[in-house]
């Protein structure tokens, strides 16, 4: 099994990093480290998460209010989005539906 993070999800991670770095220097790096750990855990837990929007599995981050939306495609875990759960839910629907 391998993990592929699509550019759209990489953009989400960059935005999250920038937001948390503005809150406190170094917090952005902690955010990236935490989300990277969560994403790596998919090597063991992929497929065990609830399905949302009829086609994505959603894993909630352990330390930050973010959700990782992914799909299993063959032997690849493909990450489509890493979204802030505090944002307007309609924006999430637009992005993933």
PDB file of N, CA and C in Angstrom:
ATOM      1  N   UNK A   1       0.853  -1.179   0.000  1.00  0.00           N
ATOM      2  CA  UNK A   1       0.000   0.000   0.000  1.00  0.00           C
ATOM      3  C   UNK A   1       0.894   1.235   0.000  1.00  0.00           C
ATOM      4  N   UNK A   2       0.465   2.239  -0.748  1.00  0.00           N
ATOM      5  CA  UNK A   2       1.192   3.515  -0.770  1.00  0.00           C
ATOM      6  C   UNK A   2       0.197   4.659  -0.634  1.00  0.00           C
ATOM      7  N   UNK A   3       0.708   5.827  -0.280  1.00  0.00           N
ATOM      8  CA  UNK A   3      -0.123   7.020  -0.104  1.00  0.00           C
ATOM      9  C   UNK A   3       0.277   8.048  -1.148  1.00  0.00           C
ATOM     10  N   UNK A   4      -0.728   8.610  -1.803  1.00  0.00           N
ATOM     11  CA  UNK A   4      -0.509   9.696  -2.763  1.00  0.00           C
ATOM     12  C   UNK A   4      -1.327  10.899  -2.301  1.00  0.00           C
ATOM     13  N   UNK A   5      -0.649  12.012  -2.108  1.00  0.00           N
ATOM     14  CA  UNK A   5      -1.330  13.244  -1.697  1.00  0.00           C
ATOM     15  C   UNK A   5      -1.455  14.125  -2.938  1.00  0.00           C
ATOM     16  N   UNK A   6      -2.683  14.333  -3.390  1.00  0.00           N
ATOM     17  CA  UNK A   6      -2.913  15.139  -4.581  1.00  0.00           C
ATOM     18  C   UNK A   6      -2.585  16.606  -4.316  1.00  0.00           C
ATOM     19  N   UNK A   7      -2.332  17.342  -5.369  1.00  0.00           N
ATOM     20  CA  UNK A   7      -1.938  18.750  -5.243  1.00  0.00           C
ATOM     21  C   UNK A   7      -2.995  19.563  -4.496  1.00  0.00           C
ATOM     22  N   UNK A   8      -4.267  19.246  -4.708  1.00  0.00           N
ATOM     23  CA  UNK A   8      -5.332  19.970  -3.999  1.00  0.00           C
ATOM     24  C   UNK A   8      -5.193  19.792  -2.484  1.00  0.00           C
ATOM     25  N   UNK A   9      -4.844  18.598  -2.034  1.00  0.00           N
ATOM     26  CA  UNK A   9      -4.654  18.349  -0.602  1.00  0.00           C
ATOM     27  C   UNK A   9      -3.361  19.007  -0.106  1.00  0.00           C
ATOM     28  N   UNK A  10      -2.340  19.033  -0.945  1.00  0.00           N
ATOM     29  CA  UNK A  10      -1.095  19.721  -0.574  1.00  0.00           C
ATOM     30  C   UNK A  10      -1.362  21.216  -0.361  1.00  0.00           C
ATOM     31  N   UNK A  11      -2.209  21.777  -1.222  1.00  0.00           N
ATOM     32  CA  UNK A  11      -2.595  23.186  -1.063  1.00  0.00           C
ATOM     33  C   UNK A  11      -3.309  23.395   0.269  1.00  0.00           C
ATOM     34  N   UNK A  12      -4.196  22.465   0.627  1.00  0.00           N
ATOM     35  CA  UNK A  12      -4.904  22.560   1.910  1.00  0.00           C
ATOM     36  C   UNK A  12      -3.918  22.544   3.071  1.00  0.00           C
ATOM     37  N   UNK A  13      -2.921  21.681   2.986  1.00  0.00           N
ATOM     38  CA  UNK A  13      -1.905  21.598   4.048  1.00  0.00           C
ATOM     39  C   UNK A  13      -1.094  22.879   4.131  1.00  0.00           C
ATOM     40  N   UNK A  14      -0.771  23.461   2.993  1.00  0.00           N
ATOM     41  CA  UNK A  14      -0.024  24.734   2.994  1.00  0.00           C
ATOM     42  C   UNK A  14      -0.848  25.845   3.648  1.00  0.00           C
ATOM     43  N   UNK A  15      -2.141  25.900   3.333  1.00  0.00           N
ATOM     44  CA  UNK A  15      -3.016  26.920   3.933  1.00  0.00           C
ATOM     45  C   UNK A  15      -3.118  26.723   5.447  1.00  0.00           C
ATOM     46  N   UNK A  16      -3.260  25.476   5.875  1.00  0.00           N
ATOM     47  CA  UNK A  16      -3.326  25.189   7.310  1.00  0.00           C
ATOM     48  C   UNK A  16      -2.032  25.574   8.001  1.00  0.00           C
ATOM     49  N   UNK A  17      -0.916  25.262   7.376  1.00  0.00           N
ATOM     50  CA  UNK A  17       0.397  25.629   7.931  1.00  0.00           C
ATOM     51  C   UNK A  17       0.491  27.138   8.103  1.00  0.00           C
ATOM     52  N   UNK A  18       0.130  27.875   7.059  1.00  0.00           N
ATOM     53  CA  UNK A  18       0.214  29.340   7.109  1.00  0.00           C
ATOM     54  C   UNK A  18      -0.683  29.902   8.218  1.00  0.00           C
ATOM     55  N   UNK A  19      -1.907  29.365   8.338  1.00  0.00           N
ATOM     56  CA  UNK A  19      -2.830  29.840   9.370  1.00  0.00           C
ATOM     57  C   UNK A  19      -2.237  29.639  10.759  1.00  0.00           C
ATOM     58  N   UNK A  20      -1.775  28.427  11.047  1.00  0.00           N
ATOM     59  CA  UNK A  20      -1.266  28.144  12.387  1.00  0.00           C
ATOM     60  C   UNK A  20       0.059  28.844  12.657  1.00  0.00           C
ATOM     61  N   UNK A  21       0.850  29.055  11.640  1.00  0.00           N
ATOM     62  CA  UNK A  21       2.121  29.768  11.825  1.00  0.00           C
ATOM     63  C   UNK A  21       1.859  31.222  12.207  1.00  0.00           C
ATOM     64  N   UNK A  22       0.764  31.804  11.678  1.00  0.00           N
ATOM     65  CA  UNK A  22       0.386  33.170  12.056  1.00  0.00           C
ATOM     66  C   UNK A  22      -0.086  33.233  13.502  1.00  0.00           C
ATOM     67  N   UNK A  23      -0.689  32.134  13.984  1.00  0.00           N
ATOM     68  CA  UNK A  23      -1.175  32.118  15.358  1.00  0.00           C
ATOM     69  C   UNK A  23      -0.019  32.123  16.349  1.00  0.00           C
ATOM     70  N   UNK A  24       1.015  31.326  16.026  1.00  0.00           N
ATOM     71  CA  UNK A  24       2.195  31.244  16.882  1.00  0.00           C
ATOM     72  C   UNK A  24       3.329  30.615  16.082  1.00  0.00           C
ATOM     73  N   UNK A  25       4.472  31.268  16.011  1.00  0.00           N
ATOM     74  CA  UNK A  25       5.600  30.699  15.262  1.00  0.00           C
ATOM     75  C   UNK A  25       5.935  29.283  15.743  1.00  0.00           C
ATOM     76  N   UNK A  26       6.075  28.380  14.801  1.00  0.00           N
ATOM     77  CA  UNK A  26       6.360  26.984  15.105  1.00  0.00           C
ATOM     78  C   UNK A  26       5.127  26.105  15.136  1.00  0.00           C
ATOM     79  N   UNK A  27       3.958  26.709  15.361  1.00  0.00           N
ATOM     80  CA  UNK A  27       2.722  25.929  15.406  1.00  0.00           C
ATOM     81  C   UNK A  27       2.379  25.368  14.030  1.00  0.00           C
ATOM     82  N   UNK A  28       2.725  26.086  12.984  1.00  0.00           N
ATOM     83  CA  UNK A  28       2.483  25.591  11.628  1.00  0.00           C
ATOM     84  C   UNK A  28       3.261  24.317  11.352  1.00  0.00           C
ATOM     85  N   UNK A  29       4.501  24.264  11.821  1.00  0.00           N
ATOM     86  CA  UNK A  29       5.302  23.055  11.644  1.00  0.00           C
ATOM     87  C   UNK A  29       4.737  21.896  12.456  1.00  0.00           C
ATOM     88  N   UNK A  30       4.254  22.204  13.658  1.00  0.00           N
ATOM     89  CA  UNK A  30       3.620  21.171  14.480  1.00  0.00           C
ATOM     90  C   UNK A  30       2.365  20.637  13.775  1.00  0.00           C
ATOM     91  N   UNK A  31       1.606  21.541  13.170  1.00  0.00           N
ATOM     92  CA  UNK A  31       0.428  21.152  12.395  1.00  0.00           C
ATOM     93  C   UNK A  31       0.822  20.170  11.294  1.00  0.00           C
ATOM     94  N   UNK A  32       1.840  20.512  10.516  1.00  0.00           N
ATOM     95  CA  UNK A  32       2.268  19.624   9.427  1.00  0.00           C
ATOM     96  C   UNK A  32       2.760  18.276   9.953  1.00  0.00           C
ATOM     97  N   UNK A  33       3.514  18.300  11.038  1.00  0.00           N
ATOM     98  CA  UNK A  33       3.992  17.048  11.623  1.00  0.00           C
ATOM     99  C   UNK A  33       2.821  16.175  12.080  1.00  0.00           C
ATOM    100  N   UNK A  34       1.843  16.796  12.719  1.00  0.00           N
ATOM    101  CA  UNK A  34       0.684  16.054  13.216  1.00  0.00           C
ATOM    102  C   UNK A  34      -0.137  15.472  12.074  1.00  0.00           C
ATOM    103  N   UNK A  35      -0.403  16.279  11.059  1.00  0.00           N
ATOM    104  CA  UNK A  35      -1.198  15.795   9.935  1.00  0.00           C
ATOM    105  C   UNK A  35      -0.438  14.730   9.146  1.00  0.00           C
ATOM    106  N   UNK A  36       0.872  14.883   9.047  1.00  0.00           N
ATOM    107  CA  UNK A  36       1.682  13.864   8.365  1.00  0.00           C
ATOM    108  C   UNK A  36       1.576  12.530   9.101  1.00  0.00           C
ATOM    109  N   UNK A  37       1.617  12.586  10.418  1.00  0.00           N
ATOM    110  CA  UNK A  37       1.479  11.371  11.221  1.00  0.00           C
ATOM    111  C   UNK A  37       0.098  10.745  11.020  1.00  0.00           C
ATOM    112  N   UNK A  38      -0.932  11.583  11.020  1.00  0.00           N
ATOM    113  CA  UNK A  38      -2.293  11.083  10.786  1.00  0.00           C
ATOM    114  C   UNK A  38      -2.380  10.408   9.412  1.00  0.00           C
ATOM    115  N   UNK A  39      -1.828  11.056   8.408  1.00  0.00           N
ATOM    116  CA  UNK A  39      -1.881  10.514   7.047  1.00  0.00           C
ATOM    117  C   UNK A  39      -1.099   9.205   6.959  1.00  0.00           C
ATOM    118  N   UNK A  40       0.053   9.149   7.582  1.00  0.00           N
ATOM    119  CA  UNK A  40       0.843   7.906   7.579  1.00  0.00           C
ATOM    120  C   UNK A  40       0.090   6.755   8.239  1.00  0.00           C
ATOM    121  N   UNK A  41      -0.746   7.076   9.219  1.00  0.00           N
ATOM    122  CA  UNK A  41      -1.504   6.028   9.900  1.00  0.00           C
ATOM    123  C   UNK A  41      -2.471   5.327   8.948  1.00  0.00           C
ATOM    124  N   UNK A  42      -2.756   5.959   7.821  1.00  0.00           N
ATOM    125  CA  UNK A  42      -3.640   5.334   6.843  1.00  0.00           C
ATOM    126  C   UNK A  42      -3.029   4.060   6.245  1.00  0.00           C
ATOM    127  N   UNK A  43      -1.717   3.926   6.336  1.00  0.00           N
ATOM    128  CA  UNK A  43      -1.088   2.682   5.860  1.00  0.00           C
ATOM    129  C   UNK A  43      -1.643   1.478   6.621  1.00  0.00           C
ATOM    130  N   UNK A  44      -2.074   1.692   7.862  1.00  0.00           N
ATOM    131  CA  UNK A  44      -2.643   0.615   8.668  1.00  0.00           C
ATOM    132  C   UNK A  44      -4.169   0.654   8.751  1.00  0.00           C
ATOM    133  N   UNK A  45      -4.734   1.856   8.662  1.00  0.00           N
ATOM    134  CA  UNK A  45      -6.171   1.982   8.941  1.00  0.00           C
ATOM    135  C   UNK A  45      -7.029   2.376   7.740  1.00  0.00           C
ATOM    136  N   UNK A  46      -6.457   2.458   6.552  1.00  0.00           N
ATOM    137  CA  UNK A  46      -7.236   2.876   5.377  1.00  0.00           C
ATOM    138  C   UNK A  46      -8.418   1.937   5.164  1.00  0.00           C
ATOM    139  N   UNK A  47      -9.551   2.542   4.903  1.00  0.00           N
ATOM    140  CA  UNK A  47     -10.764   1.787   4.647  1.00  0.00           C
ATOM    141  C   UNK A  47     -11.645   1.614   5.872  1.00  0.00           C
ATOM    142  N   UNK A  48     -11.155   1.985   7.044  1.00  0.00           N
ATOM    143  CA  UNK A  48     -11.922   1.810   8.278  1.00  0.00           C
ATOM    144  C   UNK A  48     -12.731   3.044   8.666  1.00  0.00           C
ATOM    145  N   UNK A  49     -12.684   4.076   7.867  1.00  0.00           N
ATOM    146  CA  UNK A  49     -13.338   5.342   8.197  1.00  0.00           C
ATOM    147  C   UNK A  49     -14.691   5.447   7.499  1.00  0.00           C
ATOM    148  N   UNK A  50     -15.572   6.297   8.033  1.00  0.00           N
ATOM    149  CA  UNK A  50     -16.899   6.452   7.412  1.00  0.00           C
ATOM    150  C   UNK A  50     -16.813   7.116   6.034  1.00  0.00           C
ATOM    151  N   UNK A  51     -17.776   6.767   5.208  1.00  0.00           N
ATOM    152  CA  UNK A  51     -17.864   7.325   3.855  1.00  0.00           C
ATOM    153  C   UNK A  51     -18.690   8.604   3.893  1.00  0.00           C
ATOM    154  N   UNK A  52     -18.207   9.630   3.191  1.00  0.00           N
ATOM    155  CA  UNK A  52     -18.914  10.906   3.074  1.00  0.00           C
ATOM    156  C   UNK A  52     -19.016  11.275   1.601  1.00  0.00           C
ATOM    157  N   UNK A  53     -20.085  11.948   1.252  1.00  0.00           N
ATOM    158  CA  UNK A  53     -20.314  12.406  -0.117  1.00  0.00           C
ATOM    159  C   UNK A  53     -20.297  11.234  -1.096  1.00  0.00           C
ATOM    160  N   UNK A  54     -20.721  10.079  -0.637  1.00  0.00           N
ATOM    161  CA  UNK A  54     -20.880   8.863  -1.448  1.00  0.00           C
ATOM    162  C   UNK A  54     -19.607   8.309  -2.048  1.00  0.00           C
ATOM    163  N   UNK A  55     -18.447   8.932  -1.812  1.00  0.00           N
ATOM    164  CA  UNK A  55     -17.247   8.382  -2.454  1.00  0.00           C
ATOM    165  C   UNK A  55     -15.936   8.612  -1.724  1.00  0.00           C
ATOM    166  N   UNK A  56     -15.928   9.403  -0.678  1.00  0.00           N
ATOM    167  CA  UNK A  56     -14.693   9.659   0.060  1.00  0.00           C
ATOM    168  C   UNK A  56     -14.790   9.067   1.456  1.00  0.00           C
ATOM    169  N   UNK A  57     -13.686   8.532   1.921  1.00  0.00           N
ATOM    170  CA  UNK A  57     -13.583   8.145   3.319  1.00  0.00           C
ATOM    171  C   UNK A  57     -13.031   9.359   4.066  1.00  0.00           C
ATOM    172  N   UNK A  58     -13.488   9.547   5.307  1.00  0.00           N
ATOM    173  CA  UNK A  58     -13.053  10.714   6.070  1.00  0.00           C
ATOM    174  C   UNK A  58     -12.408  10.286   7.381  1.00  0.00           C
ATOM    175  N   UNK A  59     -11.157  10.706   7.545  1.00  0.00           N
ATOM    176  CA  UNK A  59     -10.432  10.466   8.786  1.00  0.00           C
ATOM    177  C   UNK A  59     -10.261  11.811   9.484  1.00  0.00           C
ATOM    178  N   UNK A  60     -10.618  11.871  10.750  1.00  0.00           N
ATOM    179  CA  UNK A  60     -10.438  13.100  11.522  1.00  0.00           C
ATOM    180  C   UNK A  60      -9.033  13.107  12.127  1.00  0.00           C
ATOM    181  N   UNK A  61      -8.405  14.267  12.086  1.00  0.00           N
ATOM    182  CA  UNK A  61      -7.081  14.424  12.677  1.00  0.00           C
ATOM    183  C   UNK A  61      -7.172  14.260  14.190  1.00  0.00           C
ATOM    184  N   UNK A  62      -6.117  13.743  14.772  1.00  0.00           N
ATOM    185  CA  UNK A  62      -6.112  13.532  16.220  1.00  0.00           C
ATOM    186  C   UNK A  62      -5.895  14.819  17.010  1.00  0.00           C
ATOM    187  N   UNK A  63      -5.152  15.792  16.456  1.00  0.00           N
ATOM    188  CA  UNK A  63      -4.784  16.970  17.248  1.00  0.00           C
ATOM    189  C   UNK A  63      -5.353  18.287  16.746  1.00  0.00           C
ATOM    190  N   UNK A  64      -5.788  18.336  15.501  1.00  0.00           N
ATOM    191  CA  UNK A  64      -6.294  19.582  14.926  1.00  0.00           C
ATOM    192  C   UNK A  64      -7.683  19.333  14.359  1.00  0.00           C
ATOM    193  N   UNK A  65      -8.506  20.379  14.267  1.00  0.00           N
ATOM    194  CA  UNK A  65      -9.873  20.205  13.765  1.00  0.00           C
ATOM    195  C   UNK A  65      -9.906  20.106  12.232  1.00  0.00           C
ATOM    196  N   UNK A  66      -9.225  19.115  11.706  1.00  0.00           N
ATOM    197  CA  UNK A  66      -9.137  18.905  10.263  1.00  0.00           C
ATOM    198  C   UNK A  66      -9.576  17.495   9.916  1.00  0.00           C
ATOM    199  N   UNK A  67     -10.111  17.347   8.716  1.00  0.00           N
ATOM    200  CA  UNK A  67     -10.518  16.041   8.202  1.00  0.00           C
ATOM    201  C   UNK A  67      -9.745  15.750   6.923  1.00  0.00           C
ATOM    202  N   UNK A  68      -9.310  14.508   6.796  1.00  0.00           N
ATOM    203  CA  UNK A  68      -8.600  14.041   5.613  1.00  0.00           C
ATOM    204  C   UNK A  68      -9.597  13.223   4.798  1.00  0.00           C
ATOM    205  N   UNK A  69      -9.851  13.658   3.574  1.00  0.00           N
ATOM    206  CA  UNK A  69     -10.756  12.963   2.677  1.00  0.00           C
ATOM    207  C   UNK A  69      -9.925  12.183   1.668  1.00  0.00           C
ATOM    208  N   UNK A  70     -10.182  10.874   1.616  1.00  0.00           N
ATOM    209  CA  UNK A  70      -9.368  10.020   0.759  1.00  0.00           C
ATOM    210  C   UNK A  70     -10.213   8.931   0.120  1.00  0.00           C
ATOM    211  N   UNK A  71      -9.601   8.263  -0.856  1.00  0.00           N
ATOM    212  CA  UNK A  71     -10.217   7.106  -1.497  1.00  0.00           C
ATOM    213  C   UNK A  71      -9.176   6.010  -1.628  1.00  0.00           C
ATOM    214  N   UNK A  72      -9.643   4.788  -1.580  1.00  0.00           N
ATOM    215  CA  UNK A  72      -8.781   3.639  -1.841  1.00  0.00           C
ATOM    216  C   UNK A  72      -8.910   3.305  -3.320  1.00  0.00           C
ATOM    217  N   UNK A  73      -7.806   3.330  -4.020  1.00  0.00           N
ATOM    218  CA  UNK A  73      -7.803   3.031  -5.445  1.00  0.00           C
ATOM    219  C   UNK A  73      -6.710   2.003  -5.698  1.00  0.00           C
ATOM    220  N   UNK A  74      -7.123   0.754  -5.789  1.00  0.00           N
ATOM    221  CA  UNK A  74      -6.157  -0.330  -5.912  1.00  0.00           C
ATOM    222  C   UNK A  74      -5.335  -0.419  -4.646  1.00  0.00           C
ATOM    223  N   UNK A  75      -4.020  -0.379  -4.789  1.00  0.00           N
ATOM    224  CA  UNK A  75      -3.143  -0.431  -3.615  1.00  0.00           C
ATOM    225  C   UNK A  75      -2.674   0.957  -3.192  1.00  0.00           C
ATOM    226  N   UNK A  76      -3.443   1.989  -3.599  1.00  0.00           N
ATOM    227  CA  UNK A  76      -3.069   3.376  -3.300  1.00  0.00           C
ATOM    228  C   UNK A  76      -4.147   4.056  -2.461  1.00  0.00           C
ATOM    229  N   UNK A  77      -3.702   4.743  -1.415  1.00  0.00           N
ATOM    230  CA  UNK A  77      -4.573   5.635  -0.654  1.00  0.00           C
ATOM    231  C   UNK A  77      -4.362   7.009  -1.278  1.00  0.00           C
ATOM    232  N   UNK A  78      -5.383   7.528  -1.932  1.00  0.00           N
ATOM    233  CA  UNK A  78      -5.271   8.815  -2.623  1.00  0.00           C
ATOM    234  C   UNK A  78      -5.982   9.882  -1.794  1.00  0.00           C
ATOM    235  N   UNK A  79      -5.209  10.882  -1.308  1.00  0.00           N
ATOM    236  CA  UNK A  79      -5.740  11.970  -0.475  1.00  0.00           C
ATOM    237  C   UNK A  79      -6.204  13.097  -1.397  1.00  0.00           C
ATOM    238  N   UNK A  80      -7.484  13.441  -1.314  1.00  0.00           N
ATOM    239  CA  UNK A  80      -8.068  14.473  -2.165  1.00  0.00           C
ATOM    240  C   UNK A  80      -8.156  15.831  -1.482  1.00  0.00           C
ATOM    241  N   UNK A  81      -8.354  15.833  -0.173  1.00  0.00           N
ATOM    242  CA  UNK A  81      -8.522  17.108   0.530  1.00  0.00           C
ATOM    243  C   UNK A  81      -8.176  16.929   2.004  1.00  0.00           C
ATOM    244  N   UNK A  82      -7.704  18.014   2.603  1.00  0.00           N
ATOM    245  CA  UNK A  82      -7.452  18.080   4.044  1.00  0.00           C
ATOM    246  C   UNK A  82      -8.099  19.390   4.483  1.00  0.00           C
ATOM    247  N   UNK A  83      -9.315  19.290   5.031  1.00  0.00           N
ATOM    248  CA  UNK A  83     -10.140  20.479   5.246  1.00  0.00           C
ATOM    249  C   UNK A  83     -10.377  20.780   6.718  1.00  0.00           C
ATOM    250  N   UNK A  84     -10.436  22.057   7.010  1.00  0.00           N
ATOM    251  CA  UNK A  84     -10.703  22.563   8.350  1.00  0.00           C
ATOM    252  C   UNK A  84     -12.183  22.321   8.668  1.00  0.00           C
ATOM    253  N   UNK A  85     -12.456  21.591   9.717  1.00  0.00           N
ATOM    254  CA  UNK A  85     -13.838  21.262  10.085  1.00  0.00           C
ATOM    255  C   UNK A  85     -14.604  22.453  10.654  1.00  0.00           C
ATOM    256  N   UNK A  86     -13.904  23.536  10.957  1.00  0.00           N
ATOM    257  CA  UNK A  86     -14.570  24.718  11.517  1.00  0.00           C
ATOM    258  C   UNK A  86     -15.140  25.617  10.433  1.00  0.00           C
ATOM    259  N   UNK A  87     -14.819  25.358   9.205  1.00  0.00           N
ATOM    260  CA  UNK A  87     -15.281  26.218   8.108  1.00  0.00           C
ATOM    261  C   UNK A  87     -16.719  25.886   7.737  1.00  0.00           C
ATOM    262  N   UNK A  88     -17.292  26.738   6.922  1.00  0.00           N
ATOM    263  CA  UNK A  88     -18.667  26.572   6.473  1.00  0.00           C
ATOM    264  C   UNK A  88     -18.839  25.205   5.798  1.00  0.00           C
ATOM    265  N   UNK A  89     -19.761  24.373   6.292  1.00  0.00           N
ATOM    266  CA  UNK A  89     -19.960  23.050   5.698  1.00  0.00           C
ATOM    267  C   UNK A  89     -20.335  23.097   4.219  1.00  0.00           C
ATOM    268  N   UNK A  90     -20.999  24.164   3.786  1.00  0.00           N
ATOM    269  CA  UNK A  90     -21.352  24.281   2.376  1.00  0.00           C
ATOM    270  C   UNK A  90     -20.104  24.339   1.494  1.00  0.00           C
ATOM    271  N   UNK A  91     -19.050  24.920   2.017  1.00  0.00           N
ATOM    272  CA  UNK A  91     -17.790  24.985   1.264  1.00  0.00           C
ATOM    273  C   UNK A  91     -17.190  23.580   1.082  1.00  0.00           C
ATOM    274  N   UNK A  92     -17.306  22.760   2.099  1.00  0.00           N
ATOM    275  CA  UNK A  92     -16.847  21.379   2.005  1.00  0.00           C
ATOM    276  C   UNK A  92     -17.668  20.622   0.963  1.00  0.00           C
ATOM    277  N   UNK A  93     -18.969  20.820   0.998  1.00  0.00           N
ATOM    278  CA  UNK A  93     -19.845  20.165   0.016  1.00  0.00           C
ATOM    279  C   UNK A  93     -19.466  20.580  -1.390  1.00  0.00           C
ATOM    280  N   UNK A  94     -19.286  21.877  -1.614  1.00  0.00           N
ATOM    281  CA  UNK A  94     -18.873  22.358  -2.948  1.00  0.00           C
ATOM    282  C   UNK A  94     -17.568  21.720  -3.400  1.00  0.00           C
ATOM    283  N   UNK A  95     -16.652  21.588  -2.486  1.00  0.00           N
ATOM    284  CA  UNK A  95     -15.326  21.070  -2.819  1.00  0.00           C
ATOM    285  C   UNK A  95     -15.340  19.586  -3.168  1.00  0.00           C
ATOM    286  N   UNK A  96     -16.171  18.821  -2.455  1.00  0.00           N
ATOM    287  CA  UNK A  96     -16.111  17.365  -2.593  1.00  0.00           C
ATOM    288  C   UNK A  96     -17.272  16.725  -3.324  1.00  0.00           C
ATOM    289  N   UNK A  97     -18.383  17.409  -3.425  1.00  0.00           N
ATOM    290  CA  UNK A  97     -19.561  16.798  -4.073  1.00  0.00           C
ATOM    291  C   UNK A  97     -19.445  16.793  -5.575  1.00  0.00           C
TER     292      UNK A  97
END
